[in-house]
Amino acid sequence: MKTTAKPVHPVDWLRHAYREAMDGKPRKVEFPELTNPETGEPFVCYVWPETVAEQDRLQRAVAMGGLESVLQTVVVRCKDRDRNRIFQDGHMAMLRRECLAGTIVELCLRINRADPPATREPENVGKS
């Protein structure tokens, strides 16, 4: 008896690519300017590939202007080794009022520089 394989849908390809990217190692971001007051260890976070939901949230923040996109990048992209966000939405007010702007901007820059290649747009997208 002949069996026919179920055709694989492009959605399955996308899920597979996402799982592969998430199984990869994140990029480690060290920020020696911030240290634990008790141990002296520098602040470390990890950058994982963005999901569509995360990228959508960041794009909406960019549209708002100002430093909102910088704050959102730090809150959304700054994660621990287990992919858990280090900063929660409730930290936004504290980050706005009780942190040096230059420190938050520099952390955002380092997070963006560490962006895993799988999340960057290919250079030839939209070019003909």
Foldseek 3Di string as FASTA:
>chain_A
DDDDDDDDDVVNVVVVLLVVQQPDFWFKFWDLVDADPVPSGTDIFTFGADDPVLVVVLVVLVVVDDCSSLLSLQQRGGHHRVRHGPHHPVCSVCCVPPDDPVSSNVVSVRNVVRHPPVNDDDPCPPPD
